[in-house]
Amino acid sequence: PTGHTVPVREVRLAAGAGFVVIICGEIMTMPGLPKAPSSEKIFLNEEGQIEGLF
């Protein structure tokens, strides 16, 4: 097809995977993992009950 314009908003390099990722228009990407895992917030309280789960 001809006569189309693709609005490229951003270009990202995923060097580890070997990809060049093109972000177009209003596309949203999936969020990455947090710096600290959620398991660091799980603990036993004074009564022996688990706290910090989702």
PDB file of N, CA and C in Angstrom:
ATOM      1  N   PRO A   1       0.822  -1.188   0.000  1.00  0.00           N
ATOM      2  CA  PRO A   1       0.000   0.000   0.000  1.00  0.00           C
ATOM      3  C   PRO A   1       0.874   1.264   0.000  1.00  0.00           C
ATOM      4  N   THR A   2       0.361   2.289  -0.544  1.00  0.00           N
ATOM      5  CA  THR A   2       1.057   3.573  -0.572  1.00  0.00           C
ATOM      6  C   THR A   2       0.138   4.650  -0.011  1.00  0.00           C
ATOM      7  N   GLY A   3       0.734   5.803   0.322  1.00  0.00           N
ATOM      8  CA  GLY A   3      -0.066   6.919   0.798  1.00  0.00           C
ATOM      9  C   GLY A   3      -0.357   6.882   2.281  1.00  0.00           C
ATOM     10  N   HIS A   4       0.340   6.026   3.046  1.00  0.00           N
ATOM     11  CA  HIS A   4       0.112   5.939   4.488  1.00  0.00           C
ATOM     12  C   HIS A   4       1.307   6.526   5.232  1.00  0.00           C
ATOM     13  N   THR A   5       1.039   7.129   6.379  1.00  0.00           N
ATOM     14  CA  THR A   5       2.088   7.659   7.243  1.00  0.00           C
ATOM     15  C   THR A   5       2.014   6.958   8.588  1.00  0.00           C
ATOM     16  N   VAL A   6       3.111   6.447   9.048  1.00  0.00           N
ATOM     17  CA  VAL A   6       3.168   5.784  10.354  1.00  0.00           C
ATOM     18  C   VAL A   6       3.849   6.745  11.327  1.00  0.00           C
ATOM     19  N   PRO A   7       3.125   7.190  12.367  1.00  0.00           N
ATOM     20  CA  PRO A   7       3.703   8.141  13.319  1.00  0.00           C
ATOM     21  C   PRO A   7       4.638   7.447  14.313  1.00  0.00           C
ATOM     22  N   VAL A   8       5.933   7.521  14.094  1.00  0.00           N
ATOM     23  CA  VAL A   8       6.918   6.917  15.003  1.00  0.00           C
ATOM     24  C   VAL A   8       7.180   7.913  16.115  1.00  0.00           C
ATOM     25  N   ARG A   9       6.867   7.502  17.338  1.00  0.00           N
ATOM     26  CA  ARG A   9       7.010   8.372  18.494  1.00  0.00           C
ATOM     27  C   ARG A   9       8.351   8.186  19.180  1.00  0.00           C
ATOM     28  N   GLU A  10       8.867   6.951  19.159  1.00  0.00           N
ATOM     29  CA  GLU A  10      10.076   6.649  19.916  1.00  0.00           C
ATOM     30  C   GLU A  10      10.747   5.411  19.331  1.00  0.00           C
ATOM     31  N   VAL A  11      12.060   5.353  19.433  1.00  0.00           N
ATOM     32  CA  VAL A  11      12.833   4.180  19.021  1.00  0.00           C
ATOM     33  C   VAL A  11      13.659   3.758  20.223  1.00  0.00           C
ATOM     34  N   ARG A  12      13.538   2.484  20.606  1.00  0.00           N
ATOM     35  CA  ARG A  12      14.270   1.956  21.763  1.00  0.00           C
ATOM     36  C   ARG A  12      15.154   0.799  21.314  1.00  0.00           C
ATOM     37  N   LEU A  13      16.288   0.672  21.945  1.00  0.00           N
ATOM     38  CA  LEU A  13      17.188  -0.438  21.680  1.00  0.00           C
ATOM     39  C   LEU A  13      17.080  -1.443  22.817  1.00  0.00           C
ATOM     40  N   ALA A  14      16.698  -2.669  22.500  1.00  0.00           N
ATOM     41  CA  ALA A  14      16.692  -3.766  23.461  1.00  0.00           C
ATOM     42  C   ALA A  14      17.945  -4.585  23.161  1.00  0.00           C
ATOM     43  N   ALA A  15      19.079  -4.089  23.645  1.00  0.00           N
ATOM     44  CA  ALA A  15      20.374  -4.645  23.269  1.00  0.00           C
ATOM     45  C   ALA A  15      20.526  -6.111  23.669  1.00  0.00           C
ATOM     46  N   GLY A  16      20.046  -6.471  24.855  1.00  0.00           N
ATOM     47  CA  GLY A  16      20.167  -7.854  25.302  1.00  0.00           C
ATOM     48  C   GLY A  16      19.424  -8.824  24.404  1.00  0.00           C
ATOM     49  N   ALA A  17      18.266  -8.410  23.931  1.00  0.00           N
ATOM     50  CA  ALA A  17      17.461  -9.261  23.058  1.00  0.00           C
ATOM     51  C   ALA A  17      17.860  -9.121  21.601  1.00  0.00           C
ATOM     52  N   GLY A  18      18.579  -8.035  21.279  1.00  0.00           N
ATOM     53  CA  GLY A  18      18.985  -7.808  19.902  1.00  0.00           C
ATOM     54  C   GLY A  18      17.879  -7.213  19.046  1.00  0.00           C
ATOM     55  N   PHE A  19      16.957  -6.464  19.669  1.00  0.00           N
ATOM     56  CA  PHE A  19      15.842  -5.860  18.952  1.00  0.00           C
ATOM     57  C   PHE A  19      15.975  -4.349  18.903  1.00  0.00           C
ATOM     58  N   VAL A  20      15.445  -3.764  17.868  1.00  0.00           N
ATOM     59  CA  VAL A  20      15.170  -2.331  17.820  1.00  0.00           C
ATOM     60  C   VAL A  20      13.651  -2.233  17.893  1.00  0.00           C
ATOM     61  N   VAL A  21      13.131  -1.542  18.909  1.00  0.00           N
ATOM     62  CA  VAL A  21      11.689  -1.461  19.144  1.00  0.00           C
ATOM     63  C   VAL A  21      11.209  -0.083  18.700  1.00  0.00           C
ATOM     64  N   ILE A  22      10.236  -0.061  17.828  1.00  0.00           N
ATOM     65  CA  ILE A  22       9.648   1.175  17.330  1.00  0.00           C
ATOM     66  C   ILE A  22       8.308   1.377  18.034  1.00  0.00           C
ATOM     67  N   ILE A  23       8.150   2.497  18.717  1.00  0.00           N
ATOM     68  CA  ILE A  23       6.898   2.824  19.398  1.00  0.00           C
ATOM     69  C   ILE A  23       6.140   3.802  18.501  1.00  0.00           C
ATOM     70  N   CYS A  24       4.930   3.421  18.105  1.00  0.00           N
ATOM     71  CA  CYS A  24       4.141   4.226  17.168  1.00  0.00           C
ATOM     72  C   CYS A  24       2.874   4.749  17.832  1.00  0.00           C
ATOM     73  N   GLY A  25       2.513   5.949  17.486  1.00  0.00           N
ATOM     74  CA  GLY A  25       1.240   6.518  17.920  1.00  0.00           C
ATOM     75  C   GLY A  25       1.048   6.479  19.419  1.00  0.00           C
ATOM     76  N   GLU A  26      -0.092   5.971  19.857  1.00  0.00           N
ATOM     77  CA  GLU A  26      -0.458   5.942  21.278  1.00  0.00           C
ATOM     78  C   GLU A  26      -0.212   4.579  21.923  1.00  0.00           C
ATOM     79  N   ILE A  27       0.609   3.735  21.314  1.00  0.00           N
ATOM     80  CA  ILE A  27       0.882   2.400  21.845  1.00  0.00           C
ATOM     81  C   ILE A  27       1.582   2.519  23.193  1.00  0.00           C
ATOM     82  N   MET A  28       1.142   1.706  24.167  1.00  0.00           N
ATOM     83  CA  MET A  28       1.776   1.655  25.483  1.00  0.00           C
ATOM     84  C   MET A  28       2.505   0.327  25.609  1.00  0.00           C
ATOM     85  N   THR A  29       3.657   0.330  26.243  1.00  0.00           N
ATOM     86  CA  THR A  29       4.407  -0.905  26.436  1.00  0.00           C
ATOM     87  C   THR A  29       4.118  -1.474  27.817  1.00  0.00           C
ATOM     88  N   MET A  30       4.407  -2.741  27.984  1.00  0.00           N
ATOM     89  CA  MET A  30       4.215  -3.396  29.276  1.00  0.00           C
ATOM     90  C   MET A  30       5.272  -2.882  30.248  1.00  0.00           C
ATOM     91  N   PRO A  31       4.888  -2.668  31.492  1.00  0.00           N
ATOM     92  CA  PRO A  31       5.876  -2.204  32.462  1.00  0.00           C
ATOM     93  C   PRO A  31       6.884  -3.305  32.788  1.00  0.00           C
ATOM     94  N   GLY A  32       8.069  -2.911  33.146  1.00  0.00           N
ATOM     95  CA  GLY A  32       9.093  -3.872  33.532  1.00  0.00           C
ATOM     96  C   GLY A  32       8.946  -4.280  34.983  1.00  0.00           C
ATOM     97  N   LEU A  33       9.857  -5.066  35.452  1.00  0.00           N
ATOM     98  CA  LEU A  33       9.838  -5.492  36.832  1.00  0.00           C
ATOM     99  C   LEU A  33      10.365  -4.384  37.731  1.00  0.00           C
ATOM    100  N   PRO A  34       9.894  -4.325  38.975  1.00  0.00           N
ATOM    101  CA  PRO A  34      10.386  -3.309  39.898  1.00  0.00           C
ATOM    102  C   PRO A  34      11.832  -3.585  40.304  1.00  0.00           C
ATOM    103  N   LYS A  35      12.500  -2.576  40.840  1.00  0.00           N
ATOM    104  CA  LYS A  35      13.883  -2.756  41.284  1.00  0.00           C
ATOM    105  C   LYS A  35      13.973  -3.730  42.451  1.00  0.00           C
ATOM    106  N   ALA A  36      13.012  -3.669  43.348  1.00  0.00           N
ATOM    107  CA  ALA A  36      12.991  -4.562  44.518  1.00  0.00           C
ATOM    108  C   ALA A  36      11.823  -5.538  44.369  1.00  0.00           C
ATOM    109  N   PRO A  37      12.052  -6.842  44.571  1.00  0.00           N
ATOM    110  CA  PRO A  37      10.956  -7.805  44.451  1.00  0.00           C
ATOM    111  C   PRO A  37       9.926  -7.629  45.571  1.00  0.00           C
ATOM    112  N   SER A  38       8.682  -7.961  45.284  1.00  0.00           N
ATOM    113  CA  SER A  38       7.606  -7.826  46.262  1.00  0.00           C
ATOM    114  C   SER A  38       7.822  -8.707  47.484  1.00  0.00           C
ATOM    115  N   SER A  39       8.589  -9.777  47.333  1.00  0.00           N
ATOM    116  CA  SER A  39       8.824 -10.687  48.457  1.00  0.00           C
ATOM    117  C   SER A  39       9.578 -10.010  49.597  1.00  0.00           C
ATOM    118  N   GLU A  40      10.259  -8.908  49.315  1.00  0.00           N
ATOM    119  CA  GLU A  40      10.974  -8.201  50.379  1.00  0.00           C
ATOM    120  C   GLU A  40      10.024  -7.524  51.362  1.00  0.00           C
ATOM    121  N   LYS A  41       8.758  -7.371  50.987  1.00  0.00           N
ATOM    122  CA  LYS A  41       7.777  -6.711  51.851  1.00  0.00           C
ATOM    123  C   LYS A  41       6.920  -7.708  52.627  1.00  0.00           C
ATOM    124  N   ILE A  42       7.171  -9.009  52.476  1.00  0.00           N
ATOM    125  CA  ILE A  42       6.395 -10.034  53.165  1.00  0.00           C
ATOM    126  C   ILE A  42       7.112 -10.392  54.461  1.00  0.00           C
ATOM    127  N   PHE A  43       6.349 -10.429  55.557  1.00  0.00           N
ATOM    128  CA  PHE A  43       6.946 -10.759  56.856  1.00  0.00           C
ATOM    129  C   PHE A  43       5.889 -11.357  57.776  1.00  0.00           C
ATOM    130  N   LEU A  44       6.337 -11.920  58.863  1.00  0.00           N
ATOM    131  CA  LEU A  44       5.446 -12.431  59.908  1.00  0.00           C
ATOM    132  C   LEU A  44       5.319 -11.374  60.979  1.00  0.00           C
ATOM    133  N   ASN A  45       4.080 -11.076  61.389  1.00  0.00           N
ATOM    134  CA  ASN A  45       3.891 -10.110  62.466  1.00  0.00           C
ATOM    135  C   ASN A  45       4.072 -10.797  63.812  1.00  0.00           C
ATOM    136  N   GLU A  46       3.867 -10.066  64.886  1.00  0.00           N
ATOM    137  CA  GLU A  46       4.080 -10.594  66.237  1.00  0.00           C
ATOM    138  C   GLU A  46       3.152 -11.741  66.588  1.00  0.00           C
ATOM    139  N   GLU A  47       2.014 -11.835  65.895  1.00  0.00           N
ATOM    140  CA  GLU A  47       1.050 -12.904  66.149  1.00  0.00           C
ATOM    141  C   GLU A  47       1.281 -14.109  65.267  1.00  0.00           C
ATOM    142  N   GLY A  48       2.332 -14.078  64.428  1.00  0.00           N
ATOM    143  CA  GLY A  48       2.637 -15.189  63.562  1.00  0.00           C
ATOM    144  C   GLY A  48       1.853 -15.196  62.264  1.00  0.00           C
ATOM    145  N   GLN A  49       1.180 -14.082  61.958  1.00  0.00           N
ATOM    146  CA  GLN A  49       0.408 -13.985  60.726  1.00  0.00           C
ATOM    147  C   GLN A  49       1.260 -13.346  59.634  1.00  0.00           C
ATOM    148  N   ILE A  50       1.006 -13.785  58.418  1.00  0.00           N
ATOM    149  CA  ILE A  50       1.756 -13.266  57.270  1.00  0.00           C
ATOM    150  C   ILE A  50       1.178 -11.908  56.870  1.00  0.00           C
ATOM    151  N   GLU A  51       2.050 -10.923  56.684  1.00  0.00           N
ATOM    152  CA  GLU A  51       1.642  -9.596  56.219  1.00  0.00           C
ATOM    153  C   GLU A  51       2.480  -9.219  54.993  1.00  0.00           C
ATOM    154  N   GLY A  52       1.921  -8.339  54.176  1.00  0.00           N
ATOM    155  CA  GLY A  52       2.622  -7.849  53.010  1.00  0.00           C
ATOM    156  C   GLY A  52       2.292  -8.560  51.720  1.00  0.00           C
ATOM    157  N   LEU A  53       1.328  -9.494  51.769  1.00  0.00           N
ATOM    158  CA  LEU A  53       0.890 -10.134  50.532  1.00  0.00           C
ATOM    159  C   LEU A  53      -0.026  -9.195  49.780  1.00  0.00           C
ATOM    160  N   PHE A  54      -0.210  -9.438  48.509  1.00  0.00           N
ATOM    161  CA  PHE A  54      -1.014  -8.551  47.672  1.00  0.00           C
ATOM    162  C   PHE A  54      -2.427  -8.450  48.155  1.00  0.00           C
TER     163      PHE A  54
END
